[in-house]
Amino acid sequence: MTETIATESAVSRQSQYMRVFMIGFSAFIFNTTEFVPVGLLSDIARDFSMSTADTGWMLTIYAWIVATMSLPLMMATGRIERKKLLLGTFALFILSHIASAFASSFTTLIVSRAGVAFSHAVFWSITASIAIRVAPSGKKTLALSALATGTSLAMILGVPIGRMIGQFAGWRITFAAIGFVALVIMLLLWRLLPALPSLLQDSGKTLPRLLRNRKLMGLYTFIFLLFTAHYTTYSYIEPFVQDIGMVSKSTTTILLLLFGGAGIVGSMLFSRYGETHNTPLLMSQLVLMIACTGGMLFAVNHTWSLMMTVMFWGTALMVATLAIQVKVLSIDPNASDMIQSMYSGIINLGIGSGALIGSQVIQISSLNNIGFAGMGFAIVALLLMVLLIRKYPELR
């Protein structure tokens, strides 16, 4: 009898770990679909007889939908049972990818990507709290780490693999493959997850309190500038290295792999020093990011220099992102869900703005200058953080 109870307990704990793993895998697939067009822009542009700058609108529109809809959708779905909401979100995600795979024009592709963006907005508003609730006792940090790892792996594996599929079978197959993997994940979550009643408290009082918090709004402004800086340059890294540096398609894929792999290095660096040296890490990596984006044009004609620049850039972005997330979530622990939802929205606002600004730089000036444009926003972000630290010493 005792042995039976112990076995059931072990199976139960094993199921809990499996739930956390699948939620981390969900983060991987949701972030892969957001980032993968970066590696497919040239192919999509060629298919619809467009310029890569105009095709970049699909990044901007997607990100801005997520940015503007994350908080409203979180509030609108606040009372829906969480498992049902998550499965519904996956259903919209999958159907939208089917539509992307069969898009007959750039307009229909944009509409299908809008459906993905709506599902993305809901997903990142609810998964952190779901992961914590289904994790084994005492493993909340593991649950959040699984989400962060899934996000990192999207950059390390998702984007390069998506690009390779696109190179061999076409960009439509990349979107179809993402939809298929999402279907498998959805079926597993349907079997694994228990019913999860919503625990969202009254948001009518919490939201105004957060919006009046000047320190939080200052950090959100910094996050917006940071991601605008990054995506002004990164959104067009594929045409930049191929057209300016004459880099081959296979080397471009390697560069994307190196950038994503550097994120793991950044994550390890932060896990080692982030708790005791959060602000020095943040500031030093901002300076490194400024150097990398500003140095892209000088490095692009030298393969090894380009590889090193991309690796340092990927490391810097990951460390800066983790460091600022810790600062943001410490502002008001009682409103972590809403803060996280707003955080996701601000990041995507920066992504959309960066993609748009990058396209305008290309059209008005030249593809050569996207690195300098990104560097300019990174410098403004650094100056803002200096001011915030001086005004709020507790951020040090």
Protein backbone atom coordinates (compact mmCIF):
# COMPACT_ATOMS: atom_id res chain seq x y z
CA MET A 1 0.00 0.00 0.00
CA THR A 2 2.79 2.42 0.98
CA GLU A 3 4.68 1.49 -2.17
CA THR A 4 1.59 2.26 -4.29
CA ILE A 5 1.18 5.71 -2.71
CA ALA A 6 4.87 6.47 -3.25
CA THR A 7 4.59 5.41 -6.91
CA GLU A 8 1.54 7.63 -7.45
CA SER A 9 3.36 10.53 -5.83
CA ALA A 10 6.39 9.99 -8.07
CA VAL A 11 4.20 9.83 -11.19
CA SER A 12 2.42 13.00 -10.09
CA ARG A 13 5.70 14.85 -9.62
CA GLN A 14 6.94 13.55 -12.96
CA SER A 15 3.78 14.92 -14.58
CA GLN A 16 4.40 18.29 -12.96
CA TYR A 17 7.89 18.46 -14.42
CA MET A 18 6.46 17.45 -17.80
CA ARG A 19 3.95 20.30 -17.62
CA VAL A 20 6.73 22.79 -16.96
CA PHE A 21 8.78 21.36 -19.82
CA MET A 22 5.86 21.65 -22.26
CA ILE A 23 5.16 25.24 -21.24
CA GLY A 24 8.83 26.02 -21.89
CA PHE A 25 8.47 24.35 -25.30
CA SER A 26 5.39 26.51 -25.88
CA ALA A 27 7.50 29.61 -25.24
CA PHE A 28 9.99 28.30 -27.78
CA ILE A 29 7.41 27.91 -30.54
CA PHE A 30 5.64 31.23 -29.84
CA ASN A 31 8.91 33.17 -29.91
CA THR A 32 10.20 31.28 -32.92
CA THR A 33 7.30 32.46 -35.03
CA GLU A 34 7.85 36.06 -33.94
CA PHE A 35 11.56 36.07 -34.82
CA VAL A 36 11.70 33.67 -37.79
CA PRO A 37 10.68 36.25 -40.46
CA VAL A 38 14.01 38.00 -39.78
CA GLY A 39 15.71 35.06 -41.52
CA LEU A 40 13.11 34.86 -44.31
CA LEU A 41 12.59 38.50 -45.31
CA SER A 42 14.50 38.24 -48.59
CA ASP A 43 12.61 35.10 -49.66
CA ILE A 44 9.21 36.56 -48.77
CA ALA A 45 10.07 39.83 -50.54
CA ARG A 46 11.15 37.94 -53.64
CA ASP A 47 7.97 35.84 -53.66
CA PHE A 48 5.73 38.92 -53.57
CA SER A 49 8.02 41.08 -55.76
CA MET A 50 8.65 43.57 -52.95
CA SER A 51 11.67 45.22 -51.37
CA THR A 52 12.96 43.87 -48.06
CA ALA A 53 12.28 47.28 -46.46
CA ASP A 54 8.58 47.04 -47.39
CA THR A 55 8.41 43.39 -46.31
CA GLY A 56 9.69 44.51 -42.90
CA TRP A 57 6.19 45.86 -42.23
CA MET A 58 5.16 42.32 -41.28
CA LEU A 59 7.51 42.58 -38.28
CA THR A 60 6.24 46.02 -37.33
CA ILE A 61 2.53 45.22 -37.57
CA TYR A 62 2.94 41.95 -35.66
CA ALA A 63 4.88 43.58 -32.85
CA TRP A 64 2.53 46.54 -32.54
CA ILE A 65 -0.52 44.29 -32.30
CA VAL A 66 1.16 42.42 -29.44
CA ALA A 67 2.19 45.72 -27.86
CA THR A 68 -1.25 47.30 -27.95
CA MET A 69 -3.33 44.20 -27.23
CA SER A 70 -1.38 42.40 -24.46
CA LEU A 71 -2.88 44.37 -21.57
CA PRO A 72 -6.45 44.75 -22.98
CA LEU A 73 -6.65 41.05 -23.81
CA MET A 74 -5.30 40.08 -20.39
CA MET A 75 -8.04 42.15 -18.76
CA ALA A 76 -10.76 40.95 -21.17
CA THR A 77 -9.93 37.26 -20.58
CA GLY A 78 -9.23 37.68 -16.88
CA ARG A 79 -12.10 35.47 -15.70
CA ILE A 80 -11.71 32.63 -18.23
CA GLU A 81 -10.42 29.30 -16.91
CA ARG A 82 -6.71 29.22 -17.79
CA LYS A 83 -6.41 25.80 -19.45
CA LYS A 84 -9.35 26.54 -21.72
CA LEU A 85 -7.91 29.96 -22.58
CA LEU A 86 -4.46 28.53 -23.33
CA LEU A 87 -5.86 25.83 -25.63
CA GLY A 88 -8.02 28.41 -27.41
CA THR A 89 -4.94 30.56 -27.86
CA PHE A 90 -3.11 27.62 -29.43
CA ALA A 91 -6.05 26.96 -31.77
CA LEU A 92 -5.92 30.54 -33.10
CA PHE A 93 -2.12 30.26 -33.39
CA ILE A 94 -2.35 27.05 -35.46
CA LEU A 95 -5.13 28.27 -37.78
CA SER A 96 -3.26 31.50 -38.41
CA HIS A 97 -0.13 29.58 -39.43
CA ILE A 98 -2.14 27.50 -41.87
CA ALA A 99 -3.41 30.77 -43.36
CA SER A 100 0.18 32.09 -43.54
CA ALA A 101 1.33 29.00 -45.41
CA PHE A 102 -1.37 29.51 -48.05
CA ALA A 103 -1.24 33.31 -48.23
CA SER A 104 -1.84 34.40 -51.83
CA SER A 105 -0.65 37.99 -51.33
CA PHE A 106 1.35 40.04 -48.89
CA THR A 107 -1.91 41.51 -47.55
CA THR A 108 -3.32 38.08 -46.70
CA LEU A 109 0.00 37.15 -45.12
CA ILE A 110 -0.23 40.25 -42.91
CA VAL A 111 -3.81 39.33 -41.91
CA SER A 112 -2.76 35.80 -40.98
CA ARG A 113 0.20 37.13 -39.00
CA ALA A 114 -2.20 39.43 -37.15
CA GLY A 115 -4.01 36.32 -35.93
CA VAL A 116 -0.71 34.92 -34.68
CA ALA A 117 0.00 38.23 -32.95
CA PHE A 118 -3.32 38.16 -31.08
CA SER A 119 -2.57 34.66 -29.81
CA HIS A 120 0.95 35.79 -28.87
CA ALA A 121 -0.45 38.67 -26.82
CA VAL A 122 -2.69 36.34 -24.79
CA PHE A 123 -0.03 33.64 -24.43
CA TRP A 124 2.56 35.87 -22.77
CA SER A 125 -0.06 37.44 -20.51
CA ILE A 126 -0.96 34.12 -18.88
CA THR A 127 1.89 31.60 -19.17
CA ALA A 128 4.14 32.88 -16.38
CA SER A 129 1.43 32.41 -13.78
CA ILE A 130 0.36 29.06 -15.30
CA ALA A 131 3.95 27.78 -15.21
CA ILE A 132 4.30 28.71 -11.54
CA ARG A 133 0.99 27.07 -10.60
CA VAL A 134 1.69 23.72 -12.29
CA ALA A 135 5.36 23.45 -11.23
CA PRO A 136 6.41 21.02 -8.49
CA SER A 137 6.50 22.42 -4.96
CA GLY A 138 9.49 24.70 -4.44
CA LYS A 139 10.27 24.88 -8.16
CA LYS A 140 8.79 28.26 -9.15
CA THR A 141 12.20 29.50 -10.28
CA LEU A 142 12.52 26.41 -12.47
CA ALA A 143 9.18 27.22 -14.09
CA LEU A 144 10.23 30.77 -14.96
CA SER A 145 13.63 29.51 -16.13
CA ALA A 146 11.86 27.11 -18.50
CA LEU A 147 10.05 30.05 -20.10
CA ALA A 148 13.30 32.02 -20.38
CA THR A 149 15.10 29.00 -21.85
CA GLY A 150 12.34 28.50 -24.41
CA THR A 151 12.70 32.14 -25.42
CA SER A 152 16.49 31.82 -25.74
CA LEU A 153 16.25 28.61 -27.74
CA ALA A 154 13.90 30.34 -30.18
CA MET A 155 16.79 32.60 -31.08
CA ILE A 156 19.42 29.86 -30.94
CA LEU A 157 17.58 27.10 -32.82
CA GLY A 158 14.16 28.32 -33.94
CA VAL A 159 15.25 31.14 -36.23
CA PRO A 160 18.16 29.31 -37.92
CA ILE A 161 16.15 26.08 -38.33
CA GLY A 162 13.21 28.07 -39.69
CA ARG A 163 15.56 29.77 -42.13
CA MET A 164 17.09 26.44 -43.22
CA ILE A 165 13.62 24.97 -43.83
CA GLY A 166 12.78 28.07 -45.81
CA GLN A 167 15.96 27.75 -47.88
CA PHE A 168 15.30 24.11 -48.77
CA ALA A 169 11.50 23.97 -48.98
CA GLY A 170 10.25 27.57 -49.07
CA TRP A 171 9.15 30.03 -46.41
CA ARG A 172 5.55 28.73 -46.52
CA ILE A 173 6.72 25.33 -45.30
CA THR A 174 8.46 27.06 -42.38
CA PHE A 175 5.15 28.53 -41.21
CA ALA A 176 3.34 25.23 -41.82
CA ALA A 177 5.95 23.37 -39.76
CA ILE A 178 5.54 25.82 -36.87
CA GLY A 179 1.78 25.25 -36.97
CA PHE A 180 2.23 21.47 -36.92
CA VAL A 181 4.61 21.55 -33.94
CA ALA A 182 2.16 23.85 -32.14
CA LEU A 183 -0.63 21.30 -32.74
CA VAL A 184 1.45 18.55 -31.10
CA ILE A 185 2.18 20.80 -28.11
CA MET A 186 -1.49 21.74 -27.78
CA LEU A 187 -2.58 18.08 -27.67
CA LEU A 188 0.04 17.32 -25.01
CA LEU A 189 -1.04 20.30 -22.91
CA TRP A 190 -4.66 19.17 -23.24
CA ARG A 191 -3.66 15.83 -21.72
CA LEU A 192 -1.24 17.16 -19.10
CA LEU A 193 -2.73 20.34 -17.67
CA PRO A 194 -5.38 20.31 -14.93
CA ALA A 195 -8.23 22.82 -14.83
CA LEU A 196 -6.82 26.17 -13.67
CA PRO A 197 -9.40 28.70 -12.47
CA SER A 198 -8.37 32.30 -13.03
CA LEU A 199 -6.73 33.99 -10.03
CA LEU A 200 -6.55 37.46 -11.56
CA GLN A 201 -7.48 40.07 -8.99
CA ASP A 202 -9.35 43.31 -9.64
CA SER A 203 -7.30 45.06 -12.32
CA GLY A 204 -9.33 48.25 -12.14
CA LYS A 205 -7.35 49.44 -9.13
CA THR A 206 -3.99 47.87 -9.96
CA LEU A 207 -3.54 49.39 -13.42
CA PRO A 208 -3.91 53.07 -12.37
CA ARG A 209 -1.46 52.45 -9.51
CA LEU A 210 1.13 51.07 -11.90
CA LEU A 211 0.64 53.84 -14.43
CA ARG A 212 1.29 56.43 -11.71
CA ASN A 213 4.58 54.75 -10.75
CA ARG A 214 7.19 57.01 -12.37
CA LYS A 215 10.05 54.62 -11.70
CA LEU A 216 8.22 51.80 -13.49
CA MET A 217 7.31 54.07 -16.40
CA GLY A 218 10.95 55.16 -16.64
CA LEU A 219 12.09 51.53 -16.82
CA TYR A 220 9.46 50.78 -19.46
CA THR A 221 10.76 53.73 -21.52
CA PHE A 222 14.26 52.30 -21.23
CA ILE A 223 13.01 48.87 -22.38
CA PHE A 224 11.30 50.49 -25.36
CA LEU A 225 14.53 52.27 -26.36
CA LEU A 226 16.62 49.12 -25.84
CA PHE A 227 14.50 46.97 -28.14
CA THR A 228 14.04 49.77 -30.66
CA ALA A 229 17.83 50.00 -30.83
CA HIS A 230 18.23 46.27 -31.27
CA TYR A 231 15.54 45.71 -33.90
CA THR A 232 16.40 48.78 -35.94
CA THR A 233 19.54 46.86 -36.89
CA TYR A 234 18.69 43.18 -36.27
CA SER A 235 15.46 43.17 -38.32
CA TYR A 236 17.51 43.68 -41.48
CA ILE A 237 20.64 41.74 -40.59
CA GLU A 238 19.97 39.17 -43.34
CA PRO A 239 19.89 41.64 -46.28
CA PHE A 240 22.63 43.71 -44.58
CA VAL A 241 25.23 40.94 -44.43
CA GLN A 242 24.27 39.52 -47.83
CA ASP A 243 24.02 42.78 -49.80
CA ILE A 244 26.70 44.85 -48.06
CA GLY A 245 29.14 42.15 -46.96
CA MET A 246 28.42 39.73 -49.82
CA VAL A 247 28.04 36.97 -47.21
CA SER A 248 26.68 33.65 -48.49
CA LYS A 249 23.31 32.29 -47.44
CA SER A 250 24.92 29.45 -45.47
CA THR A 251 27.17 31.89 -43.59
CA THR A 252 24.14 34.07 -42.84
CA THR A 253 22.48 31.07 -41.19
CA ILE A 254 25.66 30.47 -39.15
CA LEU A 255 25.62 34.11 -38.02
CA LEU A 256 22.04 33.73 -36.79
CA LEU A 257 23.06 30.57 -34.92
CA LEU A 258 25.98 32.40 -33.32
CA PHE A 259 23.75 35.27 -32.27
CA GLY A 260 21.28 32.92 -30.64
CA GLY A 261 24.00 30.80 -29.06
CA ALA A 262 25.50 33.92 -27.53
CA GLY A 263 22.20 34.33 -25.70
CA ILE A 264 22.98 31.19 -23.70
CA VAL A 265 26.37 32.64 -22.79
CA GLY A 266 24.62 35.81 -21.67
CA SER A 267 22.13 33.80 -19.62
CA MET A 268 24.96 31.91 -17.89
CA LEU A 269 26.83 35.14 -17.25
CA PHE A 270 23.76 36.69 -15.70
CA SER A 271 22.97 33.64 -13.56
CA ARG A 272 26.51 33.85 -12.15
CA TYR A 273 26.74 37.58 -11.49
CA GLY A 274 23.25 39.01 -11.96
CA GLU A 275 22.12 38.89 -8.35
CA THR A 276 25.15 40.69 -6.93
CA HIS A 277 26.20 42.87 -9.88
CA ASN A 278 22.92 43.59 -11.69
CA THR A 279 23.48 47.26 -12.52
CA PRO A 280 27.19 47.04 -13.49
CA LEU A 281 26.30 44.15 -15.81
CA LEU A 282 23.45 46.12 -17.35
CA MET A 283 25.54 49.23 -17.96
CA SER A 284 28.56 47.36 -19.33
CA GLN A 285 26.44 45.34 -21.73
CA LEU A 286 24.71 48.49 -22.96
CA VAL A 287 28.11 49.92 -23.83
CA LEU A 288 28.99 46.64 -25.58
CA MET A 289 25.74 46.74 -27.54
CA ILE A 290 26.49 50.31 -28.65
CA ALA A 291 29.91 49.20 -29.87
CA CYS A 292 28.52 46.17 -31.72
CA THR A 293 25.69 47.92 -33.56
CA GLY A 294 27.93 50.86 -34.42
CA GLY A 295 30.68 48.51 -35.60
CA MET A 296 28.56 46.34 -37.92
CA LEU A 297 29.46 48.29 -41.06
CA PHE A 298 33.17 48.04 -40.29
CA ALA A 299 33.00 44.31 -39.50
CA VAL A 300 30.70 43.16 -42.31
CA ASN A 301 33.47 42.64 -44.88
CA HIS A 302 35.58 40.50 -42.54
CA THR A 303 33.94 37.18 -41.68
CA TRP A 304 35.68 36.56 -38.38
CA SER A 305 35.17 40.14 -37.18
CA LEU A 306 31.51 39.90 -38.15
CA MET A 307 31.11 36.64 -36.23
CA MET A 308 32.73 38.10 -33.11
CA THR A 309 30.59 41.24 -33.34
CA VAL A 310 27.40 39.20 -33.64
CA MET A 311 28.36 36.99 -30.68
CA PHE A 312 29.17 39.92 -28.39
CA TRP A 313 25.94 41.62 -29.50
CA GLY A 314 23.83 38.53 -28.70
CA THR A 315 25.46 38.19 -25.28
CA ALA A 316 24.94 41.87 -24.49
CA LEU A 317 21.26 41.81 -25.43
CA MET A 318 20.49 38.75 -23.29
CA VAL A 319 22.27 40.10 -20.21
CA ALA A 320 20.63 43.53 -20.55
CA THR A 321 17.19 41.97 -21.02
CA LEU A 322 17.48 39.74 -17.94
CA ALA A 323 18.94 42.54 -15.82
CA ILE A 324 16.15 44.98 -16.62
CA GLN A 325 13.45 42.30 -16.16
CA VAL A 326 14.64 41.74 -12.59
CA LYS A 327 14.42 45.48 -11.90
CA VAL A 328 10.92 45.75 -13.38
CA LEU A 329 9.45 42.75 -11.54
CA SER A 330 10.80 43.99 -8.21
CA ILE A 331 8.79 47.22 -8.44
CA ASP A 332 5.49 45.70 -7.25
CA PRO A 333 5.51 41.94 -6.50
CA ASN A 334 1.74 42.00 -5.88
CA ALA A 335 1.07 42.99 -9.50
CA SER A 336 3.57 40.73 -11.26
CA ASP A 337 1.06 39.39 -13.84
CA MET A 338 0.06 42.86 -14.99
CA ILE A 339 3.63 44.15 -14.90
CA GLN A 340 4.73 41.15 -17.01
CA SER A 341 1.92 41.76 -19.50
CA MET A 342 2.89 45.42 -19.83
CA TYR A 343 6.56 44.40 -20.08
CA SER A 344 5.79 42.10 -23.00
CA GLY A 345 3.77 44.85 -24.66
CA ILE A 346 6.56 47.41 -24.31
CA ILE A 347 9.13 44.98 -25.75
CA ASN A 348 6.96 44.42 -28.79
CA LEU A 349 6.35 48.14 -29.15
CA GLY A 350 10.13 48.49 -29.38
CA ILE A 351 10.38 45.59 -31.84
CA GLY A 352 7.76 47.16 -34.11
CA SER A 353 9.30 50.62 -33.87
CA GLY A 354 12.77 49.27 -34.59
CA ALA A 355 11.61 47.36 -37.68
CA LEU A 356 9.79 50.46 -38.95
CA ILE A 357 12.70 52.81 -38.25
CA GLY A 358 15.12 50.39 -39.90
CA SER A 359 12.99 50.28 -43.05
CA GLN A 360 12.83 54.09 -43.15
CA VAL A 361 16.60 54.33 -42.72
CA ILE A 362 17.02 51.96 -45.68
CA GLN A 363 14.59 53.89 -47.88
CA ILE A 364 15.66 57.43 -46.94
CA SER A 365 19.38 56.78 -46.47
CA SER A 366 20.97 53.39 -47.09
CA LEU A 367 21.09 49.82 -45.82
CA ASN A 368 24.65 50.66 -44.73
CA ASN A 369 23.36 52.92 -41.95
CA ILE A 370 21.03 50.64 -39.98
CA GLY A 371 23.81 49.85 -37.50
CA PHE A 372 24.42 53.52 -36.79
CA ALA A 373 20.68 54.12 -36.35
CA GLY A 374 20.47 51.27 -33.81
CA MET A 375 23.53 52.61 -32.03
CA GLY A 376 21.86 56.02 -31.67
CA PHE A 377 18.87 54.57 -29.82
CA ALA A 378 21.16 52.44 -27.63
CA ILE A 379 23.08 55.59 -26.59
CA VAL A 380 19.80 57.30 -25.62
CA ALA A 381 18.83 54.19 -23.61
CA LEU A 382 22.16 54.29 -21.77
CA LEU A 383 21.75 57.98 -20.92
CA LEU A 384 18.20 57.36 -19.66
CA MET A 385 19.38 54.54 -17.38
CA VAL A 386 22.07 56.81 -15.93
CA LEU A 387 19.39 59.40 -15.11
CA LEU A 388 17.07 56.76 -13.59
CA ILE A 389 19.82 55.40 -11.35
CA ARG A 390 20.66 58.89 -10.14
CA LYS A 391 17.01 59.66 -9.40
CA TYR A 392 16.22 56.26 -7.86
CA PRO A 393 19.31 55.00 -5.98
CA GLU A 394 17.52 51.73 -5.14
CA LEU A 395 17.95 50.73 -8.80
CA ARG A 396 21.73 50.45 -8.32
